[in-house]
């Protein structure tokens, strides 16, 4: 082969390589152009920032039941004892048995209207009115009339001086609960001797609405103390609680409520079986102004040593008309304007 022939062969190989590289470059450029022309993956949608979750509107609480101690009526809630203290055994004669009597016909006493709060002088405590009734056991017909009258007469709450039922059985407490159903006012009872079953207050505490066997609360310028005498009198422990409770208040008016009166203004012995004298001495010592009791199925009132004792036991139980000239079905309506107290008898 001549030399010229070898040069042409070399030139032909170089050209071939060049053409191949050019073709590769061209193909690469075409592929790049195709890739650029093709649509890419969709751009991710940005996640919006979370919006503030609104605070839900609070559903109003249901109104308190009739037997529950109210939160809004007294200016401070009841202060119950943490535990129900046992009472001492009675000292002295046994209590007499209740004897049914026939009620006389009595004319209804007109109702007083409380002084409106807007008319109170500057700096004075607003006037308020409350009712006191006792011994409603065994006569739901009369007691319903008492409840209806109290609910309609402008009273802010009702204090019951005990003997809500006849013997403290669950059946009787369920019947009492039915009578109280729908009563719109706060209800503050004390236990009577008929409210305990075998001396215990389990049913009373479960059904009456009382937070404890004894408790207290304040309203306006008045301190209300509700004591326990359901075993017939006032024990040493109950006296100690009374002393502690009454000594702790600095309000100018003190009222004590319990079932058994320490004495009967009409002269009977249907009173406390023990603790009478020491109880009255404590009332004087601690400057108690008013004591309200039940147990005697009548109305009576007498002041002793500066303390006004009022008995109201006419809310339905058999009346004691033989020994008590004011034995009629009734309740009391008490109007408070600052330190001025007016007690009215409302006959049913």
Protein backbone atom coordinates (compact mmCIF):
# COMPACT_ATOMS: atom_id res chain seq x y z
CA UNK A 1 0.00 0.00 0.00
CA UNK A 2 1.36 3.42 -0.85
CA UNK A 3 1.89 6.18 1.74
CA UNK A 4 -0.85 8.26 0.25
CA UNK A 5 -3.27 5.54 0.82
CA UNK A 6 -2.38 5.39 4.57
CA UNK A 7 -2.91 9.17 4.97
CA UNK A 8 -6.37 8.99 3.49
CA UNK A 9 -7.22 6.14 5.85
CA UNK A 10 -6.06 8.13 8.89
CA UNK A 11 -8.01 11.15 7.71
CA UNK A 12 -11.05 9.01 7.28
CA UNK A 13 -10.80 7.60 10.83
CA UNK A 14 -10.39 11.07 12.37
CA UNK A 15 -13.32 12.36 10.45
CA UNK A 16 -15.38 9.43 11.60
CA UNK A 17 -14.50 10.09 15.24
CA UNK A 18 -15.23 13.79 14.81
CA UNK A 19 -18.54 13.09 13.16
CA UNK A 20 -19.46 10.66 15.94
CA UNK A 21 -18.56 13.17 18.65
CA UNK A 22 -20.51 15.87 16.85
CA UNK A 23 -23.45 13.56 16.56
CA UNK A 24 -23.25 12.75 20.29
CA UNK A 25 -23.06 16.43 21.13
CA UNK A 26 -26.01 17.17 18.89
CA UNK A 27 -28.02 14.36 20.43
CA UNK A 28 -27.09 15.59 23.92
CA UNK A 29 -28.24 19.11 23.06
CA UNK A 30 -31.51 17.78 21.64
CA UNK A 31 -32.12 15.73 24.77
CA UNK A 32 -31.41 18.79 26.94
CA UNK A 33 -33.79 20.88 24.89
CA UNK A 34 -36.45 18.18 25.20
CA UNK A 35 -35.97 17.96 28.97
CA UNK A 36 -36.25 21.72 29.33
CA UNK A 37 -39.34 21.79 27.14
CA UNK A 38 -41.11 19.06 29.08
CA UNK A 39 -43.37 20.31 32.02
CA UNK A 40 -41.82 19.70 35.44
CA UNK A 41 -43.55 18.40 38.58
CA UNK A 42 -46.13 20.78 40.05
CA UNK A 43 -44.80 23.21 42.59
CA UNK A 44 -45.86 22.27 46.18
CA UNK A 45 -48.74 24.29 47.53
CA UNK A 46 -47.65 26.16 50.69
CA UNK A 47 -49.41 25.02 53.88
CA UNK A 48 -51.35 27.94 55.42
CA UNK A 49 -50.65 28.90 59.03
CA UNK A 50 -53.17 27.44 61.49
CA UNK A 51 -55.91 29.88 62.45
CA UNK A 52 -56.81 30.53 66.19
CA UNK A 53 -59.43 28.20 67.55
CA UNK A 54 -62.15 30.29 69.23
CA UNK A 55 -62.90 29.58 72.90
CA UNK A 56 -66.25 27.80 73.11
CA UNK A 57 -69.10 29.55 74.88
CA UNK A 58 -69.67 28.13 78.37
CA UNK A 59 -72.98 26.39 78.83
CA UNK A 60 -74.82 27.94 81.81
CA UNK A 61 -75.05 25.73 84.86
CA UNK A 62 -78.53 24.52 85.79
CA UNK A 63 -80.23 26.39 88.64
CA UNK A 64 -79.74 24.90 92.14
CA UNK A 65 -82.30 22.43 93.38
CA UNK A 66 -84.75 23.44 96.07
CA UNK A 67 -83.00 21.43 98.75
CA UNK A 68 -79.54 22.49 97.97
CA UNK A 69 -77.97 25.25 100.03
CA UNK A 70 -77.85 28.29 97.77
CA UNK A 71 -74.64 29.92 96.58
CA UNK A 72 -76.00 33.38 95.91
CA UNK A 73 -78.43 34.05 98.73
CA UNK A 74 -76.14 34.37 101.77
CA UNK A 75 -73.11 36.63 101.40
CA UNK A 76 -70.91 33.71 102.48
CA UNK A 77 -71.47 29.98 102.02
CA UNK A 78 -72.47 27.70 104.88
CA UNK A 79 -69.56 26.62 107.05
CA UNK A 80 -70.31 23.01 107.99
CA UNK A 81 -68.44 20.98 110.54
CA UNK A 82 -66.13 18.49 108.76
CA UNK A 83 -67.67 15.58 110.61
CA UNK A 84 -70.93 14.98 112.45
CA UNK A 85 -70.05 14.91 116.09
CA UNK A 86 -71.76 12.40 118.38
CA UNK A 87 -73.94 13.82 121.10
CA UNK A 88 -73.94 12.80 124.71
CA UNK A 89 -76.59 10.66 126.30
CA UNK A 90 -79.56 12.65 127.61
CA UNK A 91 -79.56 13.60 131.25
CA UNK A 92 -82.93 13.96 132.92
CA UNK A 93 -86.46 12.78 132.18
CA UNK A 94 -87.46 11.42 128.80
CA UNK A 95 -89.17 13.77 126.40
CA UNK A 96 -92.99 13.60 126.40
CA UNK A 97 -94.79 11.93 123.52
CA UNK A 98 -96.43 14.25 120.99
CA UNK A 99 -100.21 14.29 121.27
CA UNK A 100 -102.36 15.35 118.28
CA UNK A 101 -104.63 18.30 118.94
CA UNK A 102 -107.33 20.10 116.95
CA UNK A 103 -106.34 23.49 115.59
CA UNK A 104 -108.58 26.48 116.39
CA UNK A 105 -109.83 28.82 113.69
CA UNK A 106 -107.52 31.82 113.43
CA UNK A 107 -107.62 34.97 111.32
CA UNK A 108 -104.74 35.46 108.92
CA UNK A 109 -102.25 38.18 109.83
CA UNK A 110 -101.45 40.60 106.98
CA UNK A 111 -97.99 40.29 105.45
CA UNK A 112 -95.44 43.08 105.77
CA UNK A 113 -93.39 44.29 102.82
CA UNK A 114 -89.61 44.54 103.31
CA UNK A 115 -87.96 47.94 102.96
CA UNK A 116 -86.58 48.20 99.40
CA UNK A 117 -82.81 48.25 99.25
CA UNK A 118 -82.91 51.50 97.28
CA UNK A 119 -84.51 53.27 100.24
CA UNK A 120 -81.81 52.26 102.69
CA UNK A 121 -79.65 55.15 103.93
CA UNK A 122 -76.16 55.56 102.52
CA UNK A 123 -73.72 53.03 103.93
CA UNK A 124 -76.49 50.79 105.28
CA UNK A 125 -76.84 47.10 104.54
CA UNK A 126 -79.68 46.30 102.10
CA UNK A 127 -82.82 44.99 103.73
CA UNK A 128 -83.73 41.34 103.28
CA UNK A 129 -86.46 39.00 104.45
CA UNK A 130 -86.37 35.32 105.33
CA UNK A 131 -88.89 32.81 106.66
CA UNK A 132 -88.73 30.42 109.61
CA UNK A 133 -90.96 27.36 109.96
CA UNK A 134 -90.82 24.20 112.05
CA UNK A 135 -92.36 20.79 112.71
CA UNK A 136 -93.88 20.07 109.31
CA UNK A 137 -93.82 16.29 109.81
CA UNK A 138 -96.87 14.22 109.01
CA UNK A 139 -98.91 16.90 107.24
CA UNK A 140 -97.73 17.57 103.68
CA UNK A 141 -100.98 19.40 102.87
CA UNK A 142 -100.31 22.17 105.41
CA UNK A 143 -96.58 22.20 104.70
CA UNK A 144 -97.19 22.72 100.97
CA UNK A 145 -99.30 25.74 101.85
CA UNK A 146 -96.44 27.06 103.97
CA UNK A 147 -93.97 26.56 101.10
CA UNK A 148 -96.29 28.27 98.62
CA UNK A 149 -96.80 31.25 100.94
CA UNK A 150 -93.08 31.62 101.63
CA UNK A 151 -92.23 31.43 97.93
CA UNK A 152 -94.74 34.20 97.17
CA UNK A 153 -94.14 36.64 100.04
CA UNK A 154 -90.75 38.06 99.04
CA UNK A 155 -88.62 35.91 101.36
CA UNK A 156 -85.06 35.23 100.27
CA UNK A 157 -84.72 31.84 101.95
CA UNK A 158 -86.38 29.47 104.44
CA UNK A 159 -84.96 28.18 107.73
CA UNK A 160 -86.63 25.03 109.12
CA UNK A 161 -86.37 24.35 112.88
CA UNK A 162 -86.57 20.56 112.56
CA UNK A 163 -88.88 17.53 112.55
CA UNK A 164 -89.16 17.42 108.79
CA UNK A 165 -90.38 13.79 108.86
CA UNK A 166 -91.98 11.43 111.38
CA UNK A 167 -89.30 8.82 112.02
CA UNK A 168 -86.41 9.27 109.59
CA UNK A 169 -87.06 6.29 107.31
CA UNK A 170 -85.95 6.40 103.68
CA UNK A 171 -89.55 6.20 102.48
CA UNK A 172 -90.45 9.26 104.54
CA UNK A 173 -87.43 11.16 103.28
CA UNK A 174 -88.36 10.36 99.69
CA UNK A 175 -91.86 11.69 100.35
CA UNK A 176 -90.35 14.85 101.90
CA UNK A 177 -88.18 15.29 98.82
CA UNK A 178 -91.29 15.16 96.64
CA UNK A 179 -92.98 17.86 98.74
CA UNK A 180 -89.92 20.11 98.42
CA UNK A 181 -89.66 19.59 94.64
CA UNK A 182 -90.11 22.91 92.88
CA UNK A 183 -89.56 25.07 95.96
CA UNK A 184 -87.57 27.93 94.43
CA UNK A 185 -85.76 29.35 97.48
CA UNK A 186 -82.67 28.27 99.40
CA UNK A 187 -83.57 25.91 102.25
CA UNK A 188 -81.66 25.69 105.56
CA UNK A 189 -82.89 23.05 108.05
CA UNK A 190 -81.73 21.90 111.48
CA UNK A 191 -82.33 18.30 112.61
CA UNK A 192 -85.17 17.46 114.99
CA UNK A 193 -85.66 14.44 117.22
CA UNK A 194 -87.95 12.84 114.59
CA UNK A 195 -85.40 13.30 111.79
CA UNK A 196 -82.89 10.75 113.07
CA UNK A 197 -83.26 7.00 112.62
CA UNK A 198 -81.92 5.17 115.69
CA UNK A 199 -80.26 8.44 116.68
CA UNK A 200 -78.35 8.72 113.37
CA UNK A 201 -78.77 11.44 110.78
CA UNK A 202 -77.87 9.50 107.61
CA UNK A 203 -81.26 10.05 105.98
CA UNK A 204 -81.44 13.66 107.11
CA UNK A 205 -78.04 14.47 105.59
CA UNK A 206 -78.89 12.60 102.38
CA UNK A 207 -82.29 14.19 101.73
CA UNK A 208 -82.74 17.45 103.66
CA UNK A 209 -80.16 19.54 101.82
CA UNK A 210 -78.28 20.42 105.02
CA UNK A 211 -74.47 20.31 104.54
CA UNK A 212 -73.93 18.93 108.06
CA UNK A 213 -75.65 18.40 111.39
CA UNK A 214 -74.62 21.96 112.27
CA UNK A 215 -73.34 24.83 110.13
CA UNK A 216 -73.46 28.62 109.81
CA UNK A 217 -73.49 31.42 107.25
CA UNK A 218 -73.66 35.21 107.04
CA UNK A 219 -76.18 37.49 105.35
CA UNK A 220 -75.97 41.26 105.61
CA UNK A 221 -75.12 42.16 109.20
CA UNK A 222 -76.50 38.87 110.58
CA UNK A 223 -74.61 35.72 111.50
CA UNK A 224 -76.81 32.61 111.24
CA UNK A 225 -75.85 29.62 113.40
CA UNK A 226 -77.77 26.36 112.91
CA UNK A 227 -77.17 23.93 115.78
CA UNK A 228 -77.90 20.23 116.38
CA UNK A 229 -80.11 19.11 119.28
CA UNK A 230 -81.74 16.10 117.60
CA UNK A 231 -80.84 13.72 120.47
CA UNK A 232 -82.91 15.77 122.90
CA UNK A 233 -80.59 18.50 124.10
CA UNK A 234 -77.24 20.24 123.74
CA UNK A 235 -74.15 18.13 124.39
CA UNK A 236 -70.80 19.42 125.63
CA UNK A 237 -69.36 18.95 122.14
CA UNK A 238 -72.18 20.90 120.55
CA UNK A 239 -71.70 23.68 123.10
CA UNK A 240 -68.00 23.77 122.21
CA UNK A 241 -68.86 24.08 118.52
CA UNK A 242 -71.39 26.83 119.28
CA UNK A 243 -68.81 28.74 121.29
CA UNK A 244 -66.22 28.46 118.52
CA UNK A 245 -68.65 29.45 115.78
CA UNK A 246 -70.19 32.41 117.59
CA UNK A 247 -66.82 33.66 118.85
CA UNK A 248 -65.45 33.76 115.30
CA UNK A 249 -67.99 36.25 113.92
CA UNK A 250 -67.71 40.02 114.23
CA UNK A 251 -71.14 40.80 112.77
CA UNK A 252 -73.38 42.87 115.06
CA UNK A 253 -76.43 40.53 114.98
CA UNK A 254 -76.28 36.84 115.94
CA UNK A 255 -79.15 34.38 115.47
CA UNK A 256 -79.16 30.76 116.62
CA UNK A 257 -81.55 28.13 115.27
CA UNK A 258 -82.13 24.67 116.77
CA UNK A 259 -84.98 22.24 117.33
CA UNK A 260 -85.40 22.02 121.11
CA UNK A 261 -86.07 25.20 123.09
CA UNK A 262 -84.27 25.53 126.43
CA UNK A 263 -87.56 26.59 128.09
CA UNK A 264 -91.24 26.96 127.21
CA UNK A 265 -92.73 30.45 127.69
CA UNK A 266 -96.08 28.70 128.25
CA UNK A 267 -94.64 26.68 131.13
CA UNK A 268 -94.60 23.08 129.84
CA UNK A 269 -91.68 20.65 130.11
CA UNK A 270 -91.62 19.91 126.37
CA UNK A 271 -88.12 21.35 126.10
CA UNK A 272 -84.45 20.30 126.06
CA UNK A 273 -83.79 17.24 128.19
CA UNK A 274 -80.27 18.42 129.04
CA UNK A 275 -77.98 21.41 128.50
CA UNK A 276 -80.71 24.01 129.03
CA UNK A 277 -79.05 26.32 131.55
CA UNK A 278 -75.55 26.17 130.10
CA UNK A 279 -76.96 26.85 126.64
CA UNK A 280 -78.78 29.98 127.83
CA UNK A 281 -75.68 31.12 129.73
CA UNK A 282 -73.66 30.79 126.53
CA UNK A 283 -76.21 32.84 124.59
CA UNK A 284 -75.85 35.67 127.12
CA UNK A 285 -72.07 35.39 127.27
CA UNK A 286 -71.66 35.60 123.49
CA UNK A 287 -74.29 38.33 123.08
CA UNK A 288 -76.66 36.31 120.91
CA UNK A 289 -79.69 38.41 120.02
CA UNK A 290 -82.24 35.86 118.81
CA UNK A 291 -82.84 32.13 119.32
CA UNK A 292 -85.40 30.33 117.14
CA UNK A 293 -86.60 26.83 118.07
CA UNK A 294 -89.34 24.36 117.19
CA UNK A 295 -90.41 21.11 118.92
CA UNK A 296 -93.47 22.74 120.52
CA UNK A 297 -96.29 22.69 117.97
CA UNK A 298 -97.39 26.25 118.59
CA UNK A 299 -96.07 29.80 118.62
CA UNK A 300 -94.52 31.35 121.73
CA UNK A 301 -92.02 34.09 122.46
CA UNK A 302 -90.23 35.45 125.52
CA UNK A 303 -87.13 37.48 126.25
CA UNK A 304 -84.65 36.31 128.89
CA UNK A 305 -81.46 38.15 129.85
CA UNK A 306 -81.53 40.20 126.66
CA UNK A 307 -82.03 37.20 124.34
CA UNK A 308 -85.34 36.92 122.47
CA UNK A 309 -86.46 33.25 122.32
CA UNK A 310 -89.08 32.46 119.67
CA UNK A 311 -90.73 29.06 119.21
CA UNK A 312 -92.29 28.23 115.85
CA UNK A 313 -93.61 24.68 115.41
CA UNK A 314 -96.76 25.18 113.39
CA UNK A 315 -95.83 24.01 109.87
CA UNK A 316 -98.09 20.95 109.88
CA UNK A 317 -97.47 18.65 112.85
CA UNK A 318 -100.34 18.02 115.34
CA UNK A 319 -100.94 21.22 117.32
CA UNK A 320 -100.52 21.55 121.11
CA UNK A 321 -103.59 23.67 121.70
CA UNK A 322 -104.30 22.34 125.22
CA UNK A 323 -101.32 24.04 126.91
CA UNK A 324 -100.51 26.73 124.35
CA UNK A 325 -102.89 29.60 123.59
CA UNK A 326 -101.19 30.34 120.25
CA UNK A 327 -101.29 26.86 118.74
CA UNK A 328 -102.08 27.37 115.06
CA UNK A 329 -100.47 26.56 111.73
CA UNK A 330 -98.09 29.32 110.81
CA UNK A 331 -94.59 30.38 109.86
CA UNK A 332 -92.53 33.46 110.71
CA UNK A 333 -91.48 36.19 108.33
CA UNK A 334 -88.36 38.02 109.54
CA UNK A 335 -87.39 41.35 107.99
CA UNK A 336 -83.85 42.64 108.54
CA UNK A 337 -82.86 46.25 107.97
CA UNK A 338 -79.31 46.78 109.22
CA UNK A 339 -79.56 45.79 112.90
CA UNK A 340 -83.32 46.29 113.10
CA UNK A 341 -85.24 43.00 113.13
CA UNK A 342 -89.00 42.61 112.73
CA UNK A 343 -90.67 39.24 113.28
CA UNK A 344 -94.15 38.70 111.86
CA UNK A 345 -96.43 35.69 112.36
CA UNK A 346 -98.03 34.48 109.13
CA UNK A 347 -100.95 32.15 109.85
CA UNK A 348 -101.77 29.38 107.39
